[in-house]
Amino acid sequence: MRFDFFAEYQGERLATALVVYFGRTATYYYGGSRAIHRNVMAPYLLQFEIMRKAKNLGCCRYDLFGVTPQSEPHDGWTDISVFKRKFGGQELRLVPTLEYIYDPVAYKEWAAIEEE
């Protein structure tokens, strides 16, 4: 099962998340938030509501899908890793994610954008 979650404040969408539920695990695959109205902390409320839904669906694990190792603090994922660590939990080191490239041309275009 896949769900998209949104947090709104005063009629404006501030944060979103894509979460996949499989078995007894809910996995946060991707999300984002806007810079406006940071004071209402929409991403935190969104994660809390996602965890509540996971619990109601019988999940016993919430996977935030990766953090930057603390020994490598200066990459592009540092800020999101700090956010994720604020929820506590246990960090596990697993086999890295493997990608299967279905469309090599589109993948090259995406990789070129990521390098910029």
C-alpha atoms as a PDB file:
ATOM      1  CA  MET A   1       0.000   0.000   0.000  1.00  0.00           C
ATOM      2  CA  ARG A   2       1.216   3.487  -0.798  1.00  0.00           C
ATOM      3  CA  PHE A   3      -0.049   6.697   0.736  1.00  0.00           C
ATOM      4  CA  ASP A   4       0.738  10.322   0.036  1.00  0.00           C
ATOM      5  CA  PHE A   5       0.506  12.621   3.031  1.00  0.00           C
ATOM      6  CA  PHE A   6       0.172  16.394   3.091  1.00  0.00           C
ATOM      7  CA  ALA A   7       0.374  18.995   5.853  1.00  0.00           C
ATOM      8  CA  GLU A   8      -1.485  22.242   5.309  1.00  0.00           C
ATOM      9  CA  TYR A   9      -1.647  25.488   7.240  1.00  0.00           C
ATOM     10  CA  GLN A  10      -4.023  28.352   6.476  1.00  0.00           C
ATOM     11  CA  GLY A  11      -4.933  26.733   3.166  1.00  0.00           C
ATOM     12  CA  GLU A  12      -1.341  26.312   1.988  1.00  0.00           C
ATOM     13  CA  ARG A  13       0.340  22.966   1.562  1.00  0.00           C
ATOM     14  CA  LEU A  14       3.586  23.059   3.534  1.00  0.00           C
ATOM     15  CA  ALA A  15       4.897  19.491   3.601  1.00  0.00           C
ATOM     16  CA  THR A  16       4.374  16.191   1.863  1.00  0.00           C
ATOM     17  CA  ALA A  17       5.550  12.609   2.199  1.00  0.00           C
ATOM     18  CA  LEU A  18       5.300   9.381   0.235  1.00  0.00           C
ATOM     19  CA  VAL A  19       5.057   6.329   2.491  1.00  0.00           C
ATOM     20  CA  VAL A  20       4.867   2.660   1.570  1.00  0.00           C
ATOM     21  CA  TYR A  21       3.342   0.104   3.923  1.00  0.00           C
ATOM     22  CA  PHE A  22       4.503  -3.473   3.471  1.00  0.00           C
ATOM     23  CA  GLY A  23       3.934  -6.157   6.033  1.00  0.00           C
ATOM     24  CA  ARG A  24       4.482  -4.659   9.445  1.00  0.00           C
ATOM     25  CA  THR A  25       6.793  -1.888   8.231  1.00  0.00           C
ATOM     26  CA  ALA A  26       5.976   1.627   7.056  1.00  0.00           C
ATOM     27  CA  THR A  27       8.758   3.201   4.984  1.00  0.00           C
ATOM     28  CA  TYR A  28       9.110   6.926   4.379  1.00  0.00           C
ATOM     29  CA  TYR A  29      10.506   7.042   0.855  1.00  0.00           C
ATOM     30  CA  TYR A  30      10.429  10.692   0.002  1.00  0.00           C
ATOM     31  CA  GLY A  31       9.147  14.001   1.237  1.00  0.00           C
ATOM     32  CA  GLY A  32       9.671  17.689   1.236  1.00  0.00           C
ATOM     33  CA  SER A  33       8.624  20.923   2.853  1.00  0.00           C
ATOM     34  CA  ARG A  34       8.406  24.566   1.988  1.00  0.00           C
ATOM     35  CA  ALA A  35      10.310  27.340   3.717  1.00  0.00           C
ATOM     36  CA  ILE A  36       7.216  29.389   4.554  1.00  0.00           C
ATOM     37  CA  HIS A  37       5.597  29.073   7.983  1.00  0.00           C
ATOM     38  CA  ARG A  38       8.513  27.069   9.419  1.00  0.00           C
ATOM     39  CA  ASN A  39       7.305  28.069  12.881  1.00  0.00           C
ATOM     40  CA  VAL A  40       4.305  25.709  12.654  1.00  0.00           C
ATOM     41  CA  MET A  41       6.691  22.756  12.198  1.00  0.00           C
ATOM     42  CA  ALA A  42       4.518  21.008   9.614  1.00  0.00           C
ATOM     43  CA  PRO A  43       7.085  18.288   8.768  1.00  0.00           C
ATOM     44  CA  TYR A  44       7.126  17.122  12.395  1.00  0.00           C
ATOM     45  CA  LEU A  45       3.348  16.928  12.620  1.00  0.00           C
ATOM     46  CA  LEU A  46       3.258  15.129   9.282  1.00  0.00           C
ATOM     47  CA  GLN A  47       5.711  12.469  10.488  1.00  0.00           C
ATOM     48  CA  PHE A  48       3.767  12.058  13.720  1.00  0.00           C
ATOM     49  CA  GLU A  49       0.525  11.477  11.793  1.00  0.00           C
ATOM     50  CA  ILE A  50       2.259   9.004   9.484  1.00  0.00           C
ATOM     51  CA  MET A  51       3.489   7.070  12.513  1.00  0.00           C
ATOM     52  CA  ARG A  52      -0.020   7.076  14.006  1.00  0.00           C
ATOM     53  CA  LYS A  53      -1.467   5.674  10.760  1.00  0.00           C
ATOM     54  CA  ALA A  54       1.248   3.020  10.651  1.00  0.00           C
ATOM     55  CA  LYS A  55       0.413   1.950  14.187  1.00  0.00           C
ATOM     56  CA  ASN A  56      -3.308   1.815  13.353  1.00  0.00           C
ATOM     57  CA  LEU A  57      -2.489  -0.414  10.370  1.00  0.00           C
ATOM     58  CA  GLY A  58      -0.605  -2.819  12.651  1.00  0.00           C
ATOM     59  CA  CYS A  59       2.926  -1.744  11.753  1.00  0.00           C
ATOM     60  CA  CYS A  60       5.590  -2.212  14.383  1.00  0.00           C
ATOM     61  CA  ARG A  61       8.410  -0.457  12.488  1.00  0.00           C
ATOM     62  CA  TYR A  62       8.733   2.969  10.882  1.00  0.00           C
ATOM     63  CA  ASP A  63      11.676   3.156   8.515  1.00  0.00           C
ATOM     64  CA  LEU A  64      12.894   6.692   7.788  1.00  0.00           C
ATOM     65  CA  PHE A  65      14.924   5.237   4.886  1.00  0.00           C
ATOM     66  CA  GLY A  66      18.415   6.296   5.622  1.00  0.00           C
ATOM     67  CA  VAL A  67      20.590   8.917   7.227  1.00  0.00           C
ATOM     68  CA  THR A  68      24.044  10.207   6.511  1.00  0.00           C
ATOM     69  CA  PRO A  69      26.593   8.469   8.738  1.00  0.00           C
ATOM     70  CA  GLN A  70      27.682  10.838  11.497  1.00  0.00           C
ATOM     71  CA  SER A  71      31.291  10.296  10.435  1.00  0.00           C
ATOM     72  CA  GLU A  72      30.419  11.941   7.071  1.00  0.00           C
ATOM     73  CA  PRO A  73      28.569  15.104   8.121  1.00  0.00           C
ATOM     74  CA  HIS A  74      29.147  17.272   5.055  1.00  0.00           C
ATOM     75  CA  ASP A  75      27.072  15.820   2.263  1.00  0.00           C
ATOM     76  CA  GLY A  76      23.793  16.967   0.768  1.00  0.00           C
ATOM     77  CA  TRP A  77      21.721  14.853   3.168  1.00  0.00           C
ATOM     78  CA  THR A  78      23.027  16.249   6.447  1.00  0.00           C
ATOM     79  CA  ASP A  79      20.032  18.467   7.246  1.00  0.00           C
ATOM     80  CA  ILE A  80      17.426  15.768   6.543  1.00  0.00           C
ATOM     81  CA  SER A  81      19.500  13.330   8.600  1.00  0.00           C
ATOM     82  CA  VAL A  82      19.432  15.742  11.556  1.00  0.00           C
ATOM     83  CA  PHE A  83      15.644  15.991  11.158  1.00  0.00           C
ATOM     84  CA  LYS A  84      15.240  12.201  11.082  1.00  0.00           C
ATOM     85  CA  ARG A  85      17.474  11.654  14.122  1.00  0.00           C
ATOM     86  CA  LYS A  86      15.244  13.907  16.213  1.00  0.00           C
ATOM     87  CA  PHE A  87      12.633  11.140  16.207  1.00  0.00           C
ATOM     88  CA  GLY A  88      14.975   8.748  17.992  1.00  0.00           C
ATOM     89  CA  GLY A  89      15.033   5.101  17.108  1.00  0.00           C
ATOM     90  CA  GLN A  90      17.781   2.768  16.097  1.00  0.00           C
ATOM     91  CA  GLU A  91      20.168   3.282  13.197  1.00  0.00           C
ATOM     92  CA  LEU A  92      20.922   0.142  11.237  1.00  0.00           C
ATOM     93  CA  ARG A  93      23.593  -0.315   8.602  1.00  0.00           C
ATOM     94  CA  LEU A  94      22.232  -2.480   5.838  1.00  0.00           C
ATOM     95  CA  VAL A  95      23.312  -3.456   2.357  1.00  0.00           C
ATOM     96  CA  PRO A  96      23.130  -0.320   0.173  1.00  0.00           C
ATOM     97  CA  THR A  97      20.108   0.145  -2.042  1.00  0.00           C
ATOM     98  CA  LEU A  98      20.598  -1.247  -5.519  1.00  0.00           C
ATOM     99  CA  GLU A  99      19.108   0.383  -8.586  1.00  0.00           C
ATOM    100  CA  TYR A 100      17.882  -1.314 -11.709  1.00  0.00           C
ATOM    101  CA  ILE A 101      17.928   1.110 -14.617  1.00  0.00           C
ATOM    102  CA  TYR A 102      14.935   0.577 -16.893  1.00  0.00           C
ATOM    103  CA  ASP A 103      15.526   3.638 -19.088  1.00  0.00           C
ATOM    104  CA  PRO A 104      19.258   4.348 -19.575  1.00  0.00           C
ATOM    105  CA  VAL A 105      18.661   7.626 -21.462  1.00  0.00           C
ATOM    106  CA  ALA A 106      16.394   9.039 -18.736  1.00  0.00           C
ATOM    107  CA  TYR A 107      18.826   7.830 -16.064  1.00  0.00           C
ATOM    108  CA  LYS A 108      21.745   9.651 -17.726  1.00  0.00           C
ATOM    109  CA  GLU A 109      19.680  12.842 -17.893  1.00  0.00           C
ATOM    110  CA  TRP A 110      18.773  12.517 -14.214  1.00  0.00           C
ATOM    111  CA  ALA A 111      22.393  11.781 -13.219  1.00  0.00           C
ATOM    112  CA  ALA A 112      23.596  14.866 -15.113  1.00  0.00           C
ATOM    113  CA  ILE A 113      21.088  17.045 -13.229  1.00  0.00           C
ATOM    114  CA  GLU A 114      22.152  15.545  -9.890  1.00  0.00           C
ATOM    115  CA  GLU A 115      25.821  16.396 -10.586  1.00  0.00           C
ATOM    116  CA  GLU A 116      25.081  20.104 -11.110  1.00  0.00           C
END
